[in-house]
Amino acid sequence: MKPKILTTLQEYSWSLFLADVMAGITVAMVALPLSLAIAIASGADPATGIVTAIVGGLFVSLLGGSRVQIGGPTGAFIVVVFGVIAQHGYDGLVLATFMAGLILLVAALLRVGNLISLVPEAVVNGFTIGIAVIIATSQLKDLFGLSVEALPADFLEKLPALWEARATASYPALAIGLVTAALIVLLRRLAPRAPGLIVAVGLTSAAAMVMALPVESIGSRFGALPSHLPMPSIPVISLDRVLELLPSALVIAFLAGVESLLSAMVADKMTGGHHRPNAEVLAQGFANVASSLFGGLPATGAIARTATNVRAGGKTPIAGIVHALVILLAMLVAAPLAGYLVMPALAGLLILTAWNMSEPHKWKAYFAAPMADRLLLLLTLVLTVVADLTVAIGVGVSVGLALRLRRRNVPPAEWETPER
């Protein structure tokens, strides 16, 4: 469980440091708008996304088992975080995140990091696509600028509510969202190493302000963002509260472990390296405990940001530490500017993120998979969307492991997880 940073520092050099600094700055520019957007979509204050990227990202890089892993809030958590806040309040989410961190610490001590290979790939793909569907539909209100007093959290109730509000749609809001998404795609193709997310969101937000378009911004909806980190505090703990939040904490711990280890595997494929799974799980535990102490969201390894780090030239965990420090610096000196980012631009960013999460280039392979795997993926997807993520993961993993027991001669899945 030795952190990778201790290994990489033994042969560290100024050239590696310069490469890590440039990569860290690049990833920070990508992480800033994403962290804000993920927090808002989760039903939390946007500042909590920044806090999570700083605190969670720092601990993931300091203690993690991957050279290039970048930690912070991710889209995979939006559904569960939104549900916990709606049912138990934000203080409930903080306690659930704290408990999830402790669960991950115990899991790391028991050395269960290698057990990721036992989770059926169809289950991971199913709930990932389901989460993508929920994220995309949750952003339709801001993308179209709809006026809905109280948007239901339930998927089957949300769609009729959005349809009923269709007459309030705003064409300027839709234009801002679509142009933002188009700019992100264009910049990724023309300048893949450039921080296209913040450039696209910044340009369309500036255009909305200059043209005085009738669209909401972060500042108009949430007020000014804080320019400093909150003071750490231990969440209020009681036996009744712990028992009430235990299912949510288990789901958060499961998602954090799976997402971080998948991200580390993707990084290994890109760099030819080898991560330490138990060190990675340990880092996720400390990252979530620390994030909760500062009132942040659940944190995990972020696949897209990790891939951005690799492409930008990041070589060691120092790049992730620089990424966290650059976001902290931006919070200290440029927090008021984030208030001008408009909601349709962030909605366009998140809908594009959801599309990438669904991995459309793999859909053909899903249809060619064995019938049992297709049914398992579909079962997990449907349960994620119409029921509950806890139910979807529990049923999916149980059915998947039962199917694996029937195929005793089938080796563990070869993970081919692209960036998302």
Protein backbone atom coordinates (compact mmCIF):
# COMPACT_ATOMS: atom_id res chain seq x y z
CA MET A 1 0.00 0.00 0.00
CA LYS A 2 3.02 2.27 -0.48
CA PRO A 3 1.96 5.56 -2.17
CA LYS A 4 3.35 6.03 -5.67
CA ILE A 5 4.65 9.47 -4.79
CA LEU A 6 7.31 7.90 -2.54
CA THR A 7 8.49 5.75 -5.45
CA THR A 8 8.54 8.53 -8.04
CA LEU A 9 10.39 11.02 -5.83
CA GLN A 10 13.40 8.71 -5.66
CA GLU A 11 14.31 9.59 -9.26
CA TYR A 12 12.66 12.98 -9.54
CA SER A 13 14.17 15.77 -11.66
CA TRP A 14 13.56 19.35 -12.73
CA SER A 15 12.37 18.20 -16.16
CA LEU A 16 9.76 15.96 -14.53
CA PHE A 17 8.74 18.81 -12.24
CA LEU A 18 8.21 21.21 -15.16
CA ALA A 19 6.17 18.58 -17.02
CA ASP A 20 4.05 17.94 -13.92
CA VAL A 21 3.47 21.66 -13.30
CA MET A 22 2.25 22.26 -16.85
CA ALA A 23 0.02 19.19 -16.75
CA GLY A 24 -1.35 20.15 -13.32
CA ILE A 25 -2.29 23.63 -14.51
CA THR A 26 -3.99 22.19 -17.61
CA VAL A 27 -6.02 19.67 -15.59
CA ALA A 28 -7.02 22.37 -13.08
CA MET A 29 -8.51 24.43 -15.90
CA VAL A 30 -10.54 21.39 -16.95
CA ALA A 31 -11.54 20.48 -13.38
CA LEU A 32 -12.79 23.96 -12.40
CA PRO A 33 -15.94 24.15 -14.55
CA LEU A 34 -16.62 20.43 -14.15
CA SER A 35 -16.45 20.63 -10.37
CA LEU A 36 -18.88 23.54 -10.32
CA ALA A 37 -21.27 21.83 -12.73
CA ILE A 38 -21.20 18.48 -10.89
CA ALA A 39 -21.91 20.14 -7.54
CA ILE A 40 -24.87 22.09 -8.96
CA ALA A 41 -26.28 18.99 -10.68
CA SER A 42 -25.94 17.11 -7.38
CA GLY A 43 -28.19 19.61 -5.64
CA ALA A 44 -25.32 21.10 -3.64
CA ASP A 45 -23.76 24.55 -3.44
CA PRO A 46 -21.25 25.05 -6.31
CA ALA A 47 -18.48 25.87 -3.84
CA THR A 48 -18.61 22.29 -2.51
CA GLY A 49 -17.41 21.02 -5.89
CA ILE A 50 -14.35 23.26 -5.70
CA VAL A 51 -13.64 22.16 -2.11
CA THR A 52 -13.85 18.52 -3.17
CA ALA A 53 -11.48 19.03 -6.09
CA ILE A 54 -8.94 20.72 -3.79
CA VAL A 55 -9.09 18.48 -0.71
CA GLY A 56 -10.03 15.19 -2.37
CA GLY A 57 -7.65 15.76 -5.28
CA LEU A 58 -4.77 16.51 -2.92
CA PHE A 59 -5.18 13.31 -0.88
CA VAL A 60 -5.69 11.11 -3.95
CA SER A 61 -2.36 12.29 -5.35
CA LEU A 62 -0.48 12.26 -2.03
CA LEU A 63 -1.48 8.75 -1.00
CA GLY A 64 -2.69 7.05 -4.21
CA GLY A 65 -1.26 4.03 -5.98
CA SER A 66 -1.22 5.57 -9.47
CA ARG A 67 1.39 7.93 -10.92
CA VAL A 68 -1.10 10.07 -12.81
CA GLN A 69 -4.48 9.69 -11.10
CA ILE A 70 -6.49 12.91 -10.66
CA GLY A 71 -9.16 12.93 -7.96
CA GLY A 72 -12.21 15.05 -7.29
CA PRO A 73 -16.00 15.06 -7.76
CA THR A 74 -17.26 13.01 -10.71
CA GLY A 75 -20.47 12.59 -12.64
CA ALA A 76 -20.95 9.05 -11.33
CA PHE A 77 -21.83 10.50 -7.91
CA ILE A 78 -24.46 12.98 -9.09
CA VAL A 79 -27.38 10.56 -8.76
CA VAL A 80 -26.53 9.19 -5.31
CA VAL A 81 -25.52 12.61 -3.92
CA PHE A 82 -28.73 14.22 -5.15
CA GLY A 83 -30.76 11.43 -3.55
CA VAL A 84 -28.94 11.63 -0.21
CA ILE A 85 -29.33 15.41 -0.01
CA ALA A 86 -33.02 15.20 -0.93
CA GLN A 87 -33.72 12.52 1.67
CA HIS A 88 -31.29 13.31 4.50
CA GLY A 89 -30.14 16.90 3.93
CA TYR A 90 -26.63 18.10 3.20
CA ASP A 91 -25.44 17.23 6.69
CA GLY A 92 -26.56 13.67 5.95
CA LEU A 93 -24.41 13.64 2.81
CA VAL A 94 -21.38 14.86 4.78
CA LEU A 95 -21.81 12.07 7.34
CA ALA A 96 -22.40 9.46 4.61
CA THR A 97 -19.22 10.59 2.84
CA PHE A 98 -17.30 10.40 6.13
CA MET A 99 -18.61 6.87 6.71
CA ALA A 100 -17.78 5.88 3.11
CA GLY A 101 -14.21 7.05 3.67
CA LEU A 102 -13.92 4.88 6.78
CA ILE A 103 -15.37 1.90 4.87
CA LEU A 104 -12.75 2.38 2.15
CA LEU A 105 -9.97 2.56 4.74
CA VAL A 106 -11.10 -0.77 6.19
CA ALA A 107 -11.38 -2.23 2.68
CA ALA A 108 -7.82 -1.15 1.91
CA LEU A 109 -6.52 -2.71 5.14
CA LEU A 110 -8.30 -5.94 4.16
CA ARG A 111 -6.61 -5.63 0.75
CA VAL A 112 -9.76 -5.94 -1.32
CA GLY A 113 -8.49 -3.68 -4.12
CA ASN A 114 -7.91 -6.63 -6.43
CA LEU A 115 -11.53 -7.76 -6.07
CA ILE A 116 -12.57 -5.18 -8.69
CA SER A 117 -12.05 -7.92 -11.29
CA LEU A 118 -15.01 -9.80 -9.79
CA VAL A 119 -17.49 -7.00 -10.50
CA PRO A 120 -19.11 -7.86 -13.86
CA GLU A 121 -18.30 -5.34 -16.56
CA ALA A 122 -21.93 -5.43 -17.72
CA VAL A 123 -23.00 -4.11 -14.31
CA VAL A 124 -20.51 -1.22 -14.44
CA ASN A 125 -21.55 -0.36 -17.99
CA GLY A 126 -25.24 -0.62 -17.11
CA PHE A 127 -25.24 1.73 -14.14
CA THR A 128 -22.85 4.09 -15.95
CA ILE A 129 -25.26 4.45 -18.87
CA GLY A 130 -28.15 4.80 -16.41
CA ILE A 131 -26.33 7.56 -14.56
CA ALA A 132 -25.64 9.27 -17.88
CA VAL A 133 -29.36 9.20 -18.73
CA ILE A 134 -30.27 10.72 -15.36
CA ILE A 135 -27.58 13.42 -15.63
CA ALA A 136 -28.70 14.41 -19.12
CA THR A 137 -32.39 14.66 -18.17
CA SER A 138 -31.53 16.61 -15.02
CA GLN A 139 -29.88 19.29 -17.17
CA LEU A 140 -32.77 19.79 -19.61
CA LYS A 141 -34.33 22.44 -17.37
CA ASP A 142 -31.25 24.69 -17.50
CA LEU A 143 -30.42 23.84 -21.11
CA PHE A 144 -33.84 25.02 -22.29
CA GLY A 145 -34.20 27.71 -19.62
CA LEU A 146 -37.47 26.18 -18.43
CA SER A 147 -39.41 27.70 -15.53
CA VAL A 148 -40.27 24.85 -13.19
CA GLU A 149 -41.06 25.66 -9.57
CA ALA A 150 -40.20 22.26 -8.10
CA LEU A 151 -38.67 19.70 -10.46
CA PRO A 152 -39.36 16.16 -9.15
CA ALA A 153 -36.31 14.02 -8.39
CA ASP A 154 -37.93 10.82 -9.68
CA PHE A 155 -37.12 10.17 -13.35
CA LEU A 156 -40.63 9.03 -14.30
CA GLU A 157 -42.14 12.14 -12.69
CA LYS A 158 -39.49 14.53 -14.00
CA LEU A 159 -40.15 13.97 -17.72
CA PRO A 160 -43.85 14.95 -17.57
CA ALA A 161 -42.96 18.02 -15.45
CA LEU A 162 -40.41 19.14 -18.05
CA TRP A 163 -42.93 18.57 -20.86
CA GLU A 164 -45.57 20.61 -19.06
CA ALA A 165 -43.10 23.53 -18.83
CA ARG A 166 -42.16 23.42 -22.53
CA ALA A 167 -43.94 26.73 -23.23
CA THR A 168 -41.44 28.55 -20.99
CA ALA A 169 -38.42 27.45 -23.05
CA SER A 170 -35.82 30.15 -23.74
CA TYR A 171 -34.13 30.16 -27.14
CA PRO A 172 -31.13 32.21 -25.88
CA ALA A 173 -30.53 29.61 -23.13
CA LEU A 174 -30.72 26.74 -25.62
CA ALA A 175 -28.35 28.54 -28.00
CA ILE A 176 -25.80 29.11 -25.22
CA GLY A 177 -25.93 25.44 -24.17
CA LEU A 178 -25.60 24.07 -27.69
CA VAL A 179 -22.80 26.45 -28.67
CA THR A 180 -20.92 25.53 -25.48
CA ALA A 181 -21.14 21.81 -26.27
CA ALA A 182 -20.11 22.42 -29.89
CA LEU A 183 -17.12 24.52 -28.81
CA ILE A 184 -15.95 21.83 -26.40
CA VAL A 185 -16.05 19.18 -29.15
CA LEU A 186 -14.32 21.51 -31.62
CA LEU A 187 -11.56 22.48 -29.20
CA ARG A 188 -10.93 18.86 -28.27
CA ARG A 189 -10.30 18.08 -31.93
CA LEU A 190 -8.31 21.18 -32.82
CA ALA A 191 -6.33 21.57 -29.59
CA PRO A 192 -6.66 18.38 -27.48
CA ARG A 193 -4.09 19.60 -24.94
CA ALA A 194 -5.79 22.95 -24.38
CA PRO A 195 -8.26 23.40 -21.46
CA GLY A 196 -11.23 23.46 -23.82
CA LEU A 197 -13.89 23.13 -21.12
CA ILE A 198 -13.13 26.36 -19.32
CA VAL A 199 -12.46 28.18 -22.60
CA ALA A 200 -15.83 27.14 -24.05
CA VAL A 201 -17.84 27.82 -20.89
CA GLY A 202 -15.98 31.12 -20.35
CA LEU A 203 -16.54 32.34 -23.91
CA THR A 204 -20.27 31.55 -24.03
CA SER A 205 -20.81 32.97 -20.54
CA ALA A 206 -19.00 36.16 -21.52
CA ALA A 207 -21.09 36.39 -24.69
CA ALA A 208 -24.27 36.01 -22.64
CA MET A 209 -23.19 38.80 -20.30
CA VAL A 210 -22.11 41.17 -23.11
CA MET A 211 -25.36 40.65 -25.03
CA ALA A 212 -27.39 40.84 -21.80
CA LEU A 213 -29.18 37.58 -22.60
CA PRO A 214 -31.95 36.57 -20.16
CA VAL A 215 -30.15 33.53 -18.73
CA GLU A 216 -29.35 32.54 -15.16
CA SER A 217 -25.78 32.53 -13.86
CA ILE A 218 -24.17 30.87 -10.86
CA GLY A 219 -24.14 34.23 -9.09
CA SER A 220 -27.81 35.00 -9.73
CA ARG A 221 -28.92 31.58 -8.49
CA PHE A 222 -26.48 30.83 -5.66
CA GLY A 223 -24.91 34.16 -4.79
CA ALA A 224 -21.20 34.89 -4.54
CA LEU A 225 -18.80 31.97 -4.17
CA PRO A 226 -16.52 31.96 -1.11
CA SER A 227 -12.88 32.91 -1.67
CA HIS A 228 -11.44 30.60 1.00
CA LEU A 229 -11.70 27.03 2.24
CA PRO A 230 -14.12 26.40 5.12
CA MET A 231 -12.78 25.39 8.51
CA PRO A 232 -12.76 21.60 8.98
CA SER A 233 -15.24 20.09 11.42
CA ILE A 234 -16.31 16.58 12.41
CA PRO A 235 -19.88 15.76 11.32
CA VAL A 236 -22.48 15.14 14.01
CA ILE A 237 -22.59 11.38 14.63
CA SER A 238 -25.32 9.34 16.33
CA LEU A 239 -26.18 5.64 16.16
CA ASP A 240 -29.58 6.27 14.58
CA ARG A 241 -28.06 8.56 11.95
CA VAL A 242 -25.29 6.08 11.16
CA LEU A 243 -27.77 3.22 10.65
CA GLU A 244 -29.99 5.46 8.54
CA LEU A 245 -27.12 6.51 6.26
CA LEU A 246 -25.26 3.19 6.08
CA PRO A 247 -26.80 2.08 2.74
CA SER A 248 -25.86 5.41 1.14
CA ALA A 249 -22.35 5.22 2.61
CA LEU A 250 -21.89 1.72 1.17
CA VAL A 251 -22.97 2.91 -2.29
CA ILE A 252 -20.62 5.90 -2.12
CA ALA A 253 -17.75 3.64 -1.03
CA PHE A 254 -18.52 1.17 -3.81
CA LEU A 255 -18.67 3.87 -6.48
CA ALA A 256 -15.50 5.55 -5.23
CA GLY A 257 -13.61 2.26 -5.24
CA VAL A 258 -14.84 1.11 -8.64
CA GLU A 259 -14.44 4.48 -10.37
CA SER A 260 -10.94 5.10 -8.99
CA LEU A 261 -9.65 1.63 -9.87
CA LEU A 262 -11.15 1.83 -13.37
CA SER A 263 -9.49 5.22 -13.80
CA ALA A 264 -6.16 3.80 -12.63
CA MET A 265 -6.52 0.93 -15.12
CA VAL A 266 -7.18 3.38 -17.95
CA ALA A 267 -4.09 5.35 -16.89
CA ASP A 268 -2.01 2.15 -16.92
CA LYS A 269 -3.10 1.44 -20.49
CA MET A 270 -2.16 4.97 -21.54
CA THR A 271 1.22 5.07 -19.79
CA GLY A 272 2.29 1.44 -19.67
CA GLY A 273 2.52 1.66 -15.87
CA HIS A 274 1.12 -0.47 -13.05
CA HIS A 275 -0.96 1.00 -10.24
CA ARG A 276 -1.20 -0.33 -6.69
CA PRO A 277 -4.89 -1.11 -6.14
CA ASN A 278 -4.83 -1.29 -2.35
CA ALA A 279 -2.92 1.99 -2.07
CA GLU A 280 -5.52 3.52 -4.38
CA VAL A 281 -8.40 2.33 -2.21
CA LEU A 282 -6.58 3.65 0.89
CA ALA A 283 -6.16 7.04 -0.77
CA GLN A 284 -9.86 7.15 -1.66
CA GLY A 285 -10.67 6.47 1.99
CA PHE A 286 -8.53 9.35 3.26
CA ALA A 287 -9.76 11.62 0.45
CA ASN A 288 -13.42 11.07 1.35
CA VAL A 289 -12.83 11.48 5.08
CA ALA A 290 -10.93 14.72 4.42
CA SER A 291 -13.52 16.01 1.94
CA SER A 292 -16.32 15.42 4.45
CA LEU A 293 -14.41 17.24 7.19
CA PHE A 294 -14.32 20.31 4.92
CA GLY A 295 -17.99 19.89 3.96
CA GLY A 296 -17.21 18.61 0.47
CA LEU A 297 -18.77 15.99 -1.80
CA PRO A 298 -17.64 12.38 -2.30
CA ALA A 299 -14.36 12.17 -4.19
CA THR A 300 -12.84 9.54 -6.46
CA GLY A 301 -10.44 9.14 -9.34
CA ALA A 302 -11.75 11.01 -12.38
CA ILE A 303 -11.19 9.10 -15.61
CA ALA A 304 -11.48 12.05 -18.01
CA ARG A 305 -9.26 14.32 -15.90
CA THR A 306 -6.70 11.55 -15.42
CA ALA A 307 -6.58 11.04 -19.20
CA THR A 308 -6.19 14.80 -19.66
CA ASN A 309 -3.28 14.73 -17.21
CA VAL A 310 -1.56 11.98 -19.20
CA ARG A 311 -2.07 13.80 -22.51
CA ALA A 312 -0.80 17.06 -21.00
CA GLY A 313 2.46 15.38 -20.00
CA GLY A 314 1.88 14.55 -16.32
CA LYS A 315 4.39 11.98 -15.09
CA THR A 316 4.05 11.72 -11.31
CA PRO A 317 1.55 12.47 -8.51
CA ILE A 318 3.08 15.95 -8.26
CA ALA A 319 0.88 16.89 -11.23
CA GLY A 320 -2.23 16.05 -9.20
CA ILE A 321 -0.94 18.07 -6.24
CA VAL A 322 -0.30 21.04 -8.55
CA HIS A 323 -3.82 20.63 -9.94
CA ALA A 324 -5.29 20.90 -6.42
CA LEU A 325 -3.12 23.91 -5.52
CA VAL A 326 -4.01 25.75 -8.75
CA ILE A 327 -7.72 25.28 -8.03
CA LEU A 328 -7.13 26.57 -4.49
CA LEU A 329 -5.34 29.62 -5.92
CA ALA A 330 -8.22 30.21 -8.34
CA MET A 331 -10.64 30.02 -5.41
CA LEU A 332 -8.62 32.55 -3.43
CA VAL A 333 -8.18 35.14 -6.17
CA ALA A 334 -10.84 34.53 -8.84
CA ALA A 335 -13.94 33.25 -7.03
CA PRO A 336 -16.09 36.26 -8.08
CA LEU A 337 -15.48 35.47 -11.77
CA ALA A 338 -17.05 32.02 -11.40
CA GLY A 339 -20.32 33.72 -10.47
CA TYR A 340 -20.62 34.97 -14.06
CA LEU A 341 -20.66 31.46 -15.57
CA VAL A 342 -24.17 30.90 -16.94
CA MET A 343 -26.30 27.86 -16.16
CA PRO A 344 -27.09 26.86 -19.80
CA ALA A 345 -23.35 26.69 -20.54
CA LEU A 346 -22.79 24.38 -17.59
CA ALA A 347 -25.82 22.33 -18.66
CA GLY A 348 -24.34 21.92 -22.14
CA LEU A 349 -21.06 20.82 -20.56
CA LEU A 350 -22.78 18.22 -18.36
CA ILE A 351 -24.96 16.84 -21.15
CA LEU A 352 -21.85 16.34 -23.26
CA THR A 353 -20.20 14.69 -20.24
CA ALA A 354 -23.20 12.37 -19.91
CA TRP A 355 -22.96 11.47 -23.60
CA ASN A 356 -19.29 10.56 -23.17
CA MET A 357 -20.09 8.55 -20.03
CA SER A 358 -22.53 6.42 -22.03
CA GLU A 359 -19.63 5.37 -24.33
CA PRO A 360 -21.65 5.32 -27.59
CA HIS A 361 -18.72 3.84 -29.52
CA LYS A 362 -19.12 0.66 -27.45
CA TRP A 363 -22.86 0.18 -28.02
CA LYS A 364 -22.23 -2.11 -31.01
CA ALA A 365 -20.04 -4.34 -28.84
CA TYR A 366 -22.75 -4.44 -26.16
CA PHE A 367 -25.28 -5.76 -28.70
CA ALA A 368 -22.77 -8.42 -29.81
CA ALA A 369 -22.17 -9.64 -26.23
CA PRO A 370 -23.71 -12.88 -24.92
CA MET A 371 -27.44 -12.66 -24.18
CA ALA A 372 -26.89 -12.98 -20.40
CA ASP A 373 -24.50 -9.99 -20.41
CA ARG A 374 -26.93 -7.91 -22.48
CA LEU A 375 -29.78 -8.67 -20.11
CA LEU A 376 -27.59 -7.90 -17.08
CA LEU A 377 -26.57 -4.54 -18.57
CA LEU A 378 -30.19 -3.70 -19.41
CA LEU A 379 -31.40 -4.78 -15.95
CA THR A 380 -28.82 -2.60 -14.18
CA LEU A 381 -29.54 0.34 -16.50
CA VAL A 382 -33.31 0.21 -15.98
CA LEU A 383 -33.03 -0.19 -12.21
CA THR A 384 -30.60 2.75 -12.06
CA VAL A 385 -32.98 5.03 -13.95
CA VAL A 386 -36.40 4.06 -12.59
CA ALA A 387 -35.60 2.61 -9.16
CA ASP A 388 -32.56 3.40 -7.09
CA LEU A 389 -28.79 3.17 -7.54
CA THR A 390 -28.47 1.09 -4.37
CA VAL A 391 -30.97 -1.43 -5.72
CA ALA A 392 -29.36 -1.41 -9.18
CA ILE A 393 -25.86 -2.12 -7.84
CA GLY A 394 -27.06 -4.74 -5.35
CA VAL A 395 -29.19 -6.64 -7.85
CA GLY A 396 -26.70 -6.24 -10.70
CA VAL A 397 -23.69 -7.46 -8.73
CA SER A 398 -25.66 -10.36 -7.22
CA VAL A 399 -27.00 -11.54 -10.59
CA GLY A 400 -23.63 -10.98 -12.23
CA LEU A 401 -21.75 -13.03 -9.66
CA ALA A 402 -24.37 -15.78 -9.92
CA LEU A 403 -23.83 -15.86 -13.69
CA ARG A 404 -20.08 -16.03 -13.15
CA LEU A 405 -20.48 -19.03 -10.86
CA ARG A 406 -22.22 -20.76 -13.76
CA ARG A 407 -19.21 -19.98 -15.97
CA ARG A 408 -16.43 -21.24 -13.74
CA ASN A 409 -14.09 -21.60 -16.72
CA VAL A 410 -14.56 -17.96 -17.80
CA PRO A 411 -11.63 -15.70 -16.72
CA PRO A 412 -12.23 -12.29 -15.08
CA ALA A 413 -13.25 -9.50 -17.44
CA GLU A 414 -10.54 -7.66 -19.36
CA TRP A 415 -11.41 -4.03 -18.60
CA GLU A 416 -11.54 -1.91 -21.71
CA THR A 417 -12.89 1.25 -20.12
CA PRO A 418 -12.36 4.38 -22.26
CA GLU A 419 -12.25 7.92 -20.91
CA ARG A 420 -15.45 9.20 -19.40
